[in-house]
């Protein structure tokens, strides 16, 4: 039961982030794609940033210089994007999210959490990887 509650909290956290990304992109006047797809794309891009930064840092620390690691990163990124597409777009999960309007305690806290998640998703690439690469 503990794992089920933890999973529900993670899903709610992701729903809150998706909803805030949607609200941000809904305000734009000139979009080439719908805001629900734009929000999905940004959310999956955040996870891709994390996967690429962490896996590249681990490879650098372990001194792995194999083309297979590059394939692993590419397949992982494609898998994350595809699974998030299935979850949010294909299963129409975004309609449920837009109807329930999930927040964490208050809309302002939800926005702060979303901005923090977005910023922290770049840390593995912009901070962790250069630090690891500086080790010789």
C-alpha atoms as a PDB file:
ATOM      1  CA  UNK A   1       0.000   0.000   0.000  1.00  0.00           C
ATOM      2  CA  UNK A   2       2.911   2.358   0.667  1.00  0.00           C
ATOM      3  CA  UNK A   3       4.168   1.961  -2.921  1.00  0.00           C
ATOM      4  CA  UNK A   4       0.698   2.732  -4.246  1.00  0.00           C
ATOM      5  CA  UNK A   5       0.507   5.986  -2.272  1.00  0.00           C
ATOM      6  CA  UNK A   6       3.980   7.000  -3.415  1.00  0.00           C
ATOM      7  CA  UNK A   7       3.034   6.319  -7.025  1.00  0.00           C
ATOM      8  CA  UNK A   8      -0.127   8.414  -6.655  1.00  0.00           C
ATOM      9  CA  UNK A   9       1.942  11.314  -5.303  1.00  0.00           C
ATOM     10  CA  UNK A  10       4.381  11.061  -8.208  1.00  0.00           C
ATOM     11  CA  UNK A  11       1.526  10.999 -10.730  1.00  0.00           C
ATOM     12  CA  UNK A  12      -0.103  14.005  -9.042  1.00  0.00           C
ATOM     13  CA  UNK A  13       3.231  15.853  -9.100  1.00  0.00           C
ATOM     14  CA  UNK A  14       3.600  15.178 -12.836  1.00  0.00           C
ATOM     15  CA  UNK A  15      -0.012  16.196 -13.441  1.00  0.00           C
ATOM     16  CA  UNK A  16       0.567  19.493 -11.634  1.00  0.00           C
ATOM     17  CA  UNK A  17       3.661  20.181 -13.707  1.00  0.00           C
ATOM     18  CA  UNK A  18       1.853  19.250 -16.934  1.00  0.00           C
ATOM     19  CA  UNK A  19      -1.076  21.498 -16.021  1.00  0.00           C
ATOM     20  CA  UNK A  20       1.185  24.478 -15.301  1.00  0.00           C
ATOM     21  CA  UNK A  21       3.073  23.978 -18.561  1.00  0.00           C
ATOM     22  CA  UNK A  22      -0.305  23.849 -20.307  1.00  0.00           C
ATOM     23  CA  UNK A  23      -1.391  27.119 -18.651  1.00  0.00           C
ATOM     24  CA  UNK A  24       1.839  28.767 -19.745  1.00  0.00           C
ATOM     25  CA  UNK A  25       1.568  27.705 -23.376  1.00  0.00           C
ATOM     26  CA  UNK A  26      -2.170  28.370 -23.568  1.00  0.00           C
ATOM     27  CA  UNK A  27      -1.478  32.095 -23.122  1.00  0.00           C
ATOM     28  CA  UNK A  28       0.677  32.292 -26.230  1.00  0.00           C
ATOM     29  CA  UNK A  29      -1.024  33.651 -29.317  1.00  0.00           C
ATOM     30  CA  UNK A  30       1.117  32.083 -32.026  1.00  0.00           C
ATOM     31  CA  UNK A  31       1.579  28.368 -31.545  1.00  0.00           C
ATOM     32  CA  UNK A  32       2.264  25.872 -34.274  1.00  0.00           C
ATOM     33  CA  UNK A  33       0.928  23.025 -32.142  1.00  0.00           C
ATOM     34  CA  UNK A  34      -1.817  22.790 -29.542  1.00  0.00           C
ATOM     35  CA  UNK A  35      -0.897  23.809 -25.986  1.00  0.00           C
ATOM     36  CA  UNK A  36      -1.590  20.306 -24.634  1.00  0.00           C
ATOM     37  CA  UNK A  37       0.991  18.871 -27.024  1.00  0.00           C
ATOM     38  CA  UNK A  38       3.436  21.655 -26.252  1.00  0.00           C
ATOM     39  CA  UNK A  39       3.088  20.947 -22.516  1.00  0.00           C
ATOM     40  CA  UNK A  40       3.682  17.237 -23.146  1.00  0.00           C
ATOM     41  CA  UNK A  41       6.740  18.012 -25.226  1.00  0.00           C
ATOM     42  CA  UNK A  42       8.287  20.291 -22.581  1.00  0.00           C
ATOM     43  CA  UNK A  43       7.602  17.786 -19.795  1.00  0.00           C
ATOM     44  CA  UNK A  44       9.204  14.927 -21.715  1.00  0.00           C
ATOM     45  CA  UNK A  45      12.119  17.202 -22.679  1.00  0.00           C
ATOM     46  CA  UNK A  46      12.788  17.866 -18.999  1.00  0.00           C
ATOM     47  CA  UNK A  47      13.078  14.133 -18.365  1.00  0.00           C
ATOM     48  CA  UNK A  48      15.258  13.694 -21.440  1.00  0.00           C
ATOM     49  CA  UNK A  49      17.613  16.385 -20.105  1.00  0.00           C
ATOM     50  CA  UNK A  50      17.893  14.514 -16.836  1.00  0.00           C
ATOM     51  CA  UNK A  51      18.538  11.147 -18.518  1.00  0.00           C
ATOM     52  CA  UNK A  52      21.167  12.513 -20.906  1.00  0.00           C
ATOM     53  CA  UNK A  53      22.995  14.484 -18.219  1.00  0.00           C
ATOM     54  CA  UNK A  54      23.061  11.696 -15.648  1.00  0.00           C
ATOM     55  CA  UNK A  55      23.940   8.898 -18.066  1.00  0.00           C
ATOM     56  CA  UNK A  56      26.669  10.975 -19.738  1.00  0.00           C
ATOM     57  CA  UNK A  57      28.117  11.853 -16.349  1.00  0.00           C
ATOM     58  CA  UNK A  58      28.126   8.211 -15.281  1.00  0.00           C
ATOM     59  CA  UNK A  59      29.823   7.210 -18.541  1.00  0.00           C
ATOM     60  CA  UNK A  60      32.430   9.891 -18.048  1.00  0.00           C
ATOM     61  CA  UNK A  61      33.109   8.798 -14.468  1.00  0.00           C
ATOM     62  CA  UNK A  62      33.381   5.151 -15.483  1.00  0.00           C
ATOM     63  CA  UNK A  63      35.401   6.138 -18.562  1.00  0.00           C
ATOM     64  CA  UNK A  64      33.039   4.321 -20.883  1.00  0.00           C
ATOM     65  CA  UNK A  65      33.738   5.370 -24.464  1.00  0.00           C
ATOM     66  CA  UNK A  66      31.425   3.010 -26.234  1.00  0.00           C
ATOM     67  CA  UNK A  67      29.005   3.759 -29.019  1.00  0.00           C
ATOM     68  CA  UNK A  68      26.571   1.502 -27.186  1.00  0.00           C
ATOM     69  CA  UNK A  69      26.210   4.093 -24.451  1.00  0.00           C
ATOM     70  CA  UNK A  70      25.176   6.627 -27.063  1.00  0.00           C
ATOM     71  CA  UNK A  71      22.610   4.129 -28.335  1.00  0.00           C
ATOM     72  CA  UNK A  72      21.412   3.619 -24.769  1.00  0.00           C
ATOM     73  CA  UNK A  73      20.886   7.366 -24.339  1.00  0.00           C
ATOM     74  CA  UNK A  74      19.048   7.667 -27.640  1.00  0.00           C
ATOM     75  CA  UNK A  75      16.799   4.684 -26.951  1.00  0.00           C
ATOM     76  CA  UNK A  76      16.136   5.953 -23.407  1.00  0.00           C
ATOM     77  CA  UNK A  77      15.148   9.378 -24.694  1.00  0.00           C
ATOM     78  CA  UNK A  78      12.890   7.901 -27.350  1.00  0.00           C
ATOM     79  CA  UNK A  79      11.309   5.599 -24.766  1.00  0.00           C
ATOM     80  CA  UNK A  80      10.641   8.472 -22.353  1.00  0.00           C
ATOM     81  CA  UNK A  81       9.094  10.569 -25.097  1.00  0.00           C
ATOM     82  CA  UNK A  82       6.995   7.683 -26.435  1.00  0.00           C
ATOM     83  CA  UNK A  83       5.749   6.579 -23.008  1.00  0.00           C
ATOM     84  CA  UNK A  84       4.825  10.108 -22.019  1.00  0.00           C
ATOM     85  CA  UNK A  85       3.037  10.494 -25.374  1.00  0.00           C
ATOM     86  CA  UNK A  86       1.041   7.343 -24.699  1.00  0.00           C
ATOM     87  CA  UNK A  87       0.214   8.476 -21.177  1.00  0.00           C
ATOM     88  CA  UNK A  88      -0.769  12.078 -21.833  1.00  0.00           C
ATOM     89  CA  UNK A  89      -1.829  12.407 -25.467  1.00  0.00           C
ATOM     90  CA  UNK A  90      -2.898   9.014 -26.768  1.00  0.00           C
ATOM     91  CA  UNK A  91      -4.902   8.054 -23.650  1.00  0.00           C
ATOM     92  CA  UNK A  92      -6.420  11.563 -23.426  1.00  0.00           C
ATOM     93  CA  UNK A  93      -5.058  11.930 -19.906  1.00  0.00           C
ATOM     94  CA  UNK A  94      -4.605  15.636 -20.588  1.00  0.00           C
ATOM     95  CA  UNK A  95      -8.387  16.131 -20.725  1.00  0.00           C
ATOM     96  CA  UNK A  96      -8.720  14.693 -17.231  1.00  0.00           C
ATOM     97  CA  UNK A  97      -5.897  16.919 -16.008  1.00  0.00           C
ATOM     98  CA  UNK A  98      -7.477  20.000 -17.550  1.00  0.00           C
ATOM     99  CA  UNK A  99     -10.841  19.192 -15.928  1.00  0.00           C
ATOM    100  CA  UNK A 100      -9.448  18.519 -12.449  1.00  0.00           C
ATOM    101  CA  UNK A 101      -6.943  21.430 -12.505  1.00  0.00           C
ATOM    102  CA  UNK A 102      -4.482  19.848 -10.073  1.00  0.00           C
ATOM    103  CA  UNK A 103      -2.504  22.068  -7.722  1.00  0.00           C
ATOM    104  CA  UNK A 104      -0.239  21.555  -4.726  1.00  0.00           C
ATOM    105  CA  UNK A 105      -1.641  23.607  -1.813  1.00  0.00           C
ATOM    106  CA  UNK A 106      -2.007  26.814  -3.881  1.00  0.00           C
ATOM    107  CA  UNK A 107      -1.619  27.921  -7.504  1.00  0.00           C
ATOM    108  CA  UNK A 108       1.436  30.010  -6.609  1.00  0.00           C
ATOM    109  CA  UNK A 109       3.207  27.073  -4.946  1.00  0.00           C
ATOM    110  CA  UNK A 110       2.362  24.895  -7.929  1.00  0.00           C
ATOM    111  CA  UNK A 111       3.911  27.444 -10.278  1.00  0.00           C
ATOM    112  CA  UNK A 112       7.027  27.703  -8.126  1.00  0.00           C
ATOM    113  CA  UNK A 113       7.366  23.912  -8.068  1.00  0.00           C
ATOM    114  CA  UNK A 114       6.948  23.773 -11.837  1.00  0.00           C
ATOM    115  CA  UNK A 115       9.569  26.457 -12.437  1.00  0.00           C
ATOM    116  CA  UNK A 116      11.936  24.730 -10.009  1.00  0.00           C
ATOM    117  CA  UNK A 117      11.427  21.390 -11.772  1.00  0.00           C
ATOM    118  CA  UNK A 118      12.085  23.000 -15.148  1.00  0.00           C
ATOM    119  CA  UNK A 119      15.267  24.693 -13.923  1.00  0.00           C
ATOM    120  CA  UNK A 120      16.505  21.616 -12.048  1.00  0.00           C
ATOM    121  CA  UNK A 121      16.011  19.455 -15.137  1.00  0.00           C
ATOM    122  CA  UNK A 122      18.900  21.354 -16.749  1.00  0.00           C
ATOM    123  CA  UNK A 123      21.288  20.837 -13.831  1.00  0.00           C
ATOM    124  CA  UNK A 124      22.542  17.398 -14.982  1.00  0.00           C
ATOM    125  CA  UNK A 125      23.555  18.807 -18.370  1.00  0.00           C
ATOM    126  CA  UNK A 126      24.677  22.323 -17.448  1.00  0.00           C
ATOM    127  CA  UNK A 127      26.272  21.688 -14.042  1.00  0.00           C
ATOM    128  CA  UNK A 128      26.869  17.989 -13.348  1.00  0.00           C
ATOM    129  CA  UNK A 129      28.356  17.046 -16.711  1.00  0.00           C
ATOM    130  CA  UNK A 130      30.912  19.910 -16.829  1.00  0.00           C
ATOM    131  CA  UNK A 131      31.984  19.125 -13.263  1.00  0.00           C
ATOM    132  CA  UNK A 132      32.456  15.454 -14.079  1.00  0.00           C
ATOM    133  CA  UNK A 133      34.296  16.287 -17.326  1.00  0.00           C
ATOM    134  CA  UNK A 134      36.695  18.553 -15.440  1.00  0.00           C
ATOM    135  CA  UNK A 135      37.997  15.568 -13.424  1.00  0.00           C
ATOM    136  CA  UNK A 136      41.117  14.083 -14.959  1.00  0.00           C
END
